[in-house]
Amino acid sequence: MDDFSEYYIVDKRALPDVCIKVVKAKKLLEQHIASSVQEAADMVGVSRSAYYKYKDHISEPGIGAKGRTAIIAFNLMDEAGLLSNVLNVMAEWGANILTINQTIPINNVANVTISMETSKMKEQLSALIGRIASIKGVQTIKIIARE
């Protein structure tokens, strides 16, 4: 693992024009000014493929903060109370659990997938992942998706 952050704060004047246009297109869609990605892309002068390439990787501060979601997959040892411990940590950090899916344990390991709303979390998602990874019985943890 490197010492670099996953995110950077960059002055928009340093960004390629395509990134600014993608943010504008996202706004048009969120505000229902454009009814499709193609329409929003045409309105701001960016290709649809460029929109899809960058849309999940760039946003303005605060945009999309409400209702942000993450999906995390775990491999947990089949131990009484372990999932409850994980959920308690998530609750302490301000995550709002939306769904929980758990497989039947095979070879004493269950796969658990949790989706959660993250806008009210006290810390960054990566810090929460690190904290959960330190719980005894958590074998693996991986962010599957975030919005």
C-alpha atoms as a PDB file:
ATOM      1  CA  MET A   1       0.000   0.000   0.000  1.00  0.00           C
ATOM      2  CA  ASP A   2       1.361   3.428  -0.889  1.00  0.00           C
ATOM      3  CA  ASP A   3       1.376   6.566   1.239  1.00  0.00           C
ATOM      4  CA  PHE A   4      -0.811   8.548  -1.149  1.00  0.00           C
ATOM      5  CA  SER A   5      -4.421   9.437  -0.501  1.00  0.00           C
ATOM      6  CA  GLU A   6      -7.173   8.004  -2.631  1.00  0.00           C
ATOM      7  CA  TYR A   7      -8.594  11.522  -3.075  1.00  0.00           C
ATOM      8  CA  TYR A   8      -7.075  14.911  -3.841  1.00  0.00           C
ATOM      9  CA  ILE A   9      -8.382  18.449  -3.716  1.00  0.00           C
ATOM     10  CA  VAL A  10      -7.609  20.097  -7.035  1.00  0.00           C
ATOM     11  CA  ASP A  11      -8.346  23.631  -8.211  1.00  0.00           C
ATOM     12  CA  LYS A  12     -10.781  23.261 -11.104  1.00  0.00           C
ATOM     13  CA  ARG A  13      -8.513  25.482 -13.237  1.00  0.00           C
ATOM     14  CA  ALA A  14      -6.014  22.605 -13.231  1.00  0.00           C
ATOM     15  CA  LEU A  15      -8.544  20.046 -14.459  1.00  0.00           C
ATOM     16  CA  PRO A  16      -9.015  19.126 -18.101  1.00  0.00           C
ATOM     17  CA  ASP A  17     -12.086  20.772 -19.636  1.00  0.00           C
ATOM     18  CA  VAL A  18     -13.749  17.381 -20.046  1.00  0.00           C
ATOM     19  CA  CYS A  19     -13.918  16.942 -16.252  1.00  0.00           C
ATOM     20  CA  ILE A  20     -15.694  20.277 -15.770  1.00  0.00           C
ATOM     21  CA  LYS A  21     -18.138  19.393 -18.538  1.00  0.00           C
ATOM     22  CA  VAL A  22     -18.922  16.042 -16.921  1.00  0.00           C
ATOM     23  CA  VAL A  23     -19.753  17.776 -13.625  1.00  0.00           C
ATOM     24  CA  LYS A  24     -22.032  20.179 -15.506  1.00  0.00           C
ATOM     25  CA  ALA A  25     -23.725  17.276 -17.278  1.00  0.00           C
ATOM     26  CA  LYS A  26     -24.300  15.524 -13.953  1.00  0.00           C
ATOM     27  CA  LYS A  27     -25.948  18.683 -12.616  1.00  0.00           C
ATOM     28  CA  LEU A  28     -28.230  18.880 -15.642  1.00  0.00           C
ATOM     29  CA  LEU A  29     -29.358  15.314 -15.018  1.00  0.00           C
ATOM     30  CA  GLU A  30     -29.784  15.802 -11.247  1.00  0.00           C
ATOM     31  CA  GLN A  31     -31.842  18.956 -11.795  1.00  0.00           C
ATOM     32  CA  HIS A  32     -33.935  17.204 -14.488  1.00  0.00           C
ATOM     33  CA  ILE A  33     -32.956  19.843 -17.039  1.00  0.00           C
ATOM     34  CA  ALA A  34     -31.683  17.064 -19.289  1.00  0.00           C
ATOM     35  CA  SER A  35     -33.735  13.900 -19.591  1.00  0.00           C
ATOM     36  CA  SER A  36     -30.943  11.593 -20.761  1.00  0.00           C
ATOM     37  CA  VAL A  37     -27.183  11.264 -20.594  1.00  0.00           C
ATOM     38  CA  GLN A  38     -26.992  11.917 -24.332  1.00  0.00           C
ATOM     39  CA  GLU A  39     -28.965  15.148 -23.970  1.00  0.00           C
ATOM     40  CA  ALA A  40     -26.847  16.351 -21.036  1.00  0.00           C
ATOM     41  CA  ALA A  41     -23.615  15.466 -22.861  1.00  0.00           C
ATOM     42  CA  ASP A  42     -24.770  17.348 -25.957  1.00  0.00           C
ATOM     43  CA  MET A  43     -25.767  20.388 -23.892  1.00  0.00           C
ATOM     44  CA  VAL A  44     -22.306  20.732 -22.318  1.00  0.00           C
ATOM     45  CA  GLY A  45     -20.303  19.617 -25.346  1.00  0.00           C
ATOM     46  CA  VAL A  46     -18.827  16.340 -24.168  1.00  0.00           C
ATOM     47  CA  SER A  47     -19.087  12.867 -25.646  1.00  0.00           C
ATOM     48  CA  ARG A  48     -21.298  10.297 -23.960  1.00  0.00           C
ATOM     49  CA  SER A  49     -18.321   7.960 -23.591  1.00  0.00           C
ATOM     50  CA  ALA A  50     -16.316  10.684 -21.811  1.00  0.00           C
ATOM     51  CA  TYR A  51     -19.264  11.265 -19.494  1.00  0.00           C
ATOM     52  CA  TYR A  52     -19.372   7.579 -18.552  1.00  0.00           C
ATOM     53  CA  LYS A  53     -15.593   7.436 -18.200  1.00  0.00           C
ATOM     54  CA  TYR A  54     -15.468  10.230 -15.601  1.00  0.00           C
ATOM     55  CA  LYS A  55     -18.936  10.461 -14.004  1.00  0.00           C
ATOM     56  CA  ASP A  56     -18.148   8.213 -11.031  1.00  0.00           C
ATOM     57  CA  HIS A  57     -14.794   9.832 -10.372  1.00  0.00           C
ATOM     58  CA  ILE A  58     -15.468  13.560 -10.225  1.00  0.00           C
ATOM     59  CA  SER A  59     -17.942  15.756  -8.401  1.00  0.00           C
ATOM     60  CA  GLU A  60     -18.127  19.104  -6.700  1.00  0.00           C
ATOM     61  CA  PRO A  61     -17.675  19.270  -2.917  1.00  0.00           C
ATOM     62  CA  GLY A  62     -20.980  18.471  -1.285  1.00  0.00           C
ATOM     63  CA  ILE A  63     -22.615  17.283  -4.512  1.00  0.00           C
ATOM     64  CA  GLY A  64     -24.109  13.851  -3.964  1.00  0.00           C
ATOM     65  CA  ALA A  65     -23.197  13.866  -0.285  1.00  0.00           C
ATOM     66  CA  LYS A  66     -26.784  13.213   0.764  1.00  0.00           C
ATOM     67  CA  GLY A  67     -27.701   9.653  -0.013  1.00  0.00           C
ATOM     68  CA  ARG A  68     -24.156   8.473  -0.735  1.00  0.00           C
ATOM     69  CA  THR A  69     -23.999   4.715  -0.613  1.00  0.00           C
ATOM     70  CA  ALA A  70     -21.295   2.111  -0.401  1.00  0.00           C
ATOM     71  CA  ILE A  71     -21.403  -1.661  -0.797  1.00  0.00           C
ATOM     72  CA  ILE A  72     -18.876  -3.665   1.172  1.00  0.00           C
ATOM     73  CA  ALA A  73     -18.172  -7.401   0.981  1.00  0.00           C
ATOM     74  CA  PHE A  74     -16.691  -9.333   3.900  1.00  0.00           C
ATOM     75  CA  ASN A  75     -15.549 -12.846   4.604  1.00  0.00           C
ATOM     76  CA  LEU A  76     -16.355 -13.455   8.261  1.00  0.00           C
ATOM     77  CA  MET A  77     -15.554 -16.429  10.435  1.00  0.00           C
ATOM     78  CA  ASP A  78     -18.697 -18.254  11.554  1.00  0.00           C
ATOM     79  CA  GLU A  79     -18.557 -17.014  15.142  1.00  0.00           C
ATOM     80  CA  ALA A  80     -21.507 -15.946  17.282  1.00  0.00           C
ATOM     81  CA  GLY A  81     -21.709 -12.156  17.577  1.00  0.00           C
ATOM     82  CA  LEU A  82     -19.111 -11.319  14.911  1.00  0.00           C
ATOM     83  CA  LEU A  83     -21.550  -9.796  12.430  1.00  0.00           C
ATOM     84  CA  SER A  84     -23.176  -7.938  15.313  1.00  0.00           C
ATOM     85  CA  ASN A  85     -19.768  -6.494  16.272  1.00  0.00           C
ATOM     86  CA  VAL A  86     -19.202  -5.312  12.688  1.00  0.00           C
ATOM     87  CA  LEU A  87     -22.645  -3.713  12.565  1.00  0.00           C
ATOM     88  CA  ASN A  88     -22.081  -2.002  15.920  1.00  0.00           C
ATOM     89  CA  VAL A  89     -18.854  -0.430  14.665  1.00  0.00           C
ATOM     90  CA  MET A  90     -20.648   0.774  11.544  1.00  0.00           C
ATOM     91  CA  ALA A  91     -23.409   2.300  13.673  1.00  0.00           C
ATOM     92  CA  GLU A  92     -20.884   3.979  15.993  1.00  0.00           C
ATOM     93  CA  TRP A  93     -19.240   5.590  12.961  1.00  0.00           C
ATOM     94  CA  GLY A  94     -22.573   6.893  11.665  1.00  0.00           C
ATOM     95  CA  ALA A  95     -23.161   4.491   8.772  1.00  0.00           C
ATOM     96  CA  ASN A  96     -26.813   3.750   8.013  1.00  0.00           C
ATOM     97  CA  ILE A  97     -27.242   0.109   7.027  1.00  0.00           C
ATOM     98  CA  LEU A  98     -29.547  -0.345   4.034  1.00  0.00           C
ATOM     99  CA  THR A  99     -29.221  -4.060   3.242  1.00  0.00           C
ATOM    100  CA  ILE A 100     -27.423  -7.123   4.599  1.00  0.00           C
ATOM    101  CA  ASN A 101     -26.936 -10.326   2.620  1.00  0.00           C
ATOM    102  CA  GLN A 102     -25.189 -13.303   4.198  1.00  0.00           C
ATOM    103  CA  THR A 103     -24.392 -16.711   2.756  1.00  0.00           C
ATOM    104  CA  ILE A 104     -24.525 -19.956   4.669  1.00  0.00           C
ATOM    105  CA  PRO A 105     -21.030 -20.516   6.102  1.00  0.00           C
ATOM    106  CA  ILE A 106     -18.832 -22.885   4.121  1.00  0.00           C
ATOM    107  CA  ASN A 107     -15.642 -24.122   5.790  1.00  0.00           C
ATOM    108  CA  ASN A 108     -16.547 -21.907   8.772  1.00  0.00           C
ATOM    109  CA  VAL A 109     -16.569 -18.711   6.631  1.00  0.00           C
ATOM    110  CA  ALA A 110     -19.613 -16.678   5.598  1.00  0.00           C
ATOM    111  CA  ASN A 111     -19.687 -14.072   2.864  1.00  0.00           C
ATOM    112  CA  VAL A 112     -21.547 -10.936   3.906  1.00  0.00           C
ATOM    113  CA  THR A 113     -22.441  -8.017   1.657  1.00  0.00           C
ATOM    114  CA  ILE A 114     -23.664  -4.812   3.260  1.00  0.00           C
ATOM    115  CA  SER A 115     -24.948  -1.689   1.548  1.00  0.00           C
ATOM    116  CA  MET A 116     -24.963   1.477   3.592  1.00  0.00           C
ATOM    117  CA  GLU A 117     -25.631   5.183   3.384  1.00  0.00           C
ATOM    118  CA  THR A 118     -22.461   7.070   4.310  1.00  0.00           C
ATOM    119  CA  SER A 119     -23.278  10.799   4.300  1.00  0.00           C
ATOM    120  CA  LYS A 120     -23.476  11.067   8.104  1.00  0.00           C
ATOM    121  CA  MET A 121     -20.334   9.082   8.877  1.00  0.00           C
ATOM    122  CA  LYS A 122     -17.904  10.680  11.318  1.00  0.00           C
ATOM    123  CA  GLU A 123     -14.813   9.502   9.428  1.00  0.00           C
ATOM    124  CA  GLN A 124     -13.827   8.551   5.885  1.00  0.00           C
ATOM    125  CA  LEU A 125     -15.018   5.205   4.540  1.00  0.00           C
ATOM    126  CA  SER A 126     -11.414   3.987   4.239  1.00  0.00           C
ATOM    127  CA  ALA A 127     -10.908   4.562   7.995  1.00  0.00           C
ATOM    128  CA  LEU A 128     -14.054   2.565   8.757  1.00  0.00           C
ATOM    129  CA  ILE A 129     -12.787  -0.263   6.553  1.00  0.00           C
ATOM    130  CA  GLY A 130      -9.498  -0.272   8.448  1.00  0.00           C
ATOM    131  CA  ARG A 131     -11.303  -0.374  11.782  1.00  0.00           C
ATOM    132  CA  ILE A 132     -13.524  -3.268  10.707  1.00  0.00           C
ATOM    133  CA  ALA A 133     -10.545  -5.149   9.251  1.00  0.00           C
ATOM    134  CA  SER A 134      -8.966  -5.091  12.732  1.00  0.00           C
ATOM    135  CA  ILE A 135     -11.883  -6.997  14.295  1.00  0.00           C
ATOM    136  CA  LYS A 136     -10.903 -10.556  15.161  1.00  0.00           C
ATOM    137  CA  GLY A 137     -12.682 -12.951  12.792  1.00  0.00           C
ATOM    138  CA  VAL A 138     -12.921 -10.558   9.843  1.00  0.00           C
ATOM    139  CA  GLN A 139     -10.892 -12.385   7.205  1.00  0.00           C
ATOM    140  CA  THR A 140     -11.287 -10.049   4.232  1.00  0.00           C
ATOM    141  CA  ILE A 141     -13.068  -6.798   3.516  1.00  0.00           C
ATOM    142  CA  LYS A 142     -13.471  -5.030   0.209  1.00  0.00           C
ATOM    143  CA  ILE A 143     -15.384  -2.020  -1.094  1.00  0.00           C
ATOM    144  CA  ILE A 144     -17.448  -3.303  -4.005  1.00  0.00           C
ATOM    145  CA  ALA A 145     -19.040  -0.007  -5.024  1.00  0.00           C
ATOM    146  CA  ARG A 146     -19.611   3.527  -3.840  1.00  0.00           C
ATOM    147  CA  GLU A 147     -21.757   6.300  -5.127  1.00  0.00           C
END
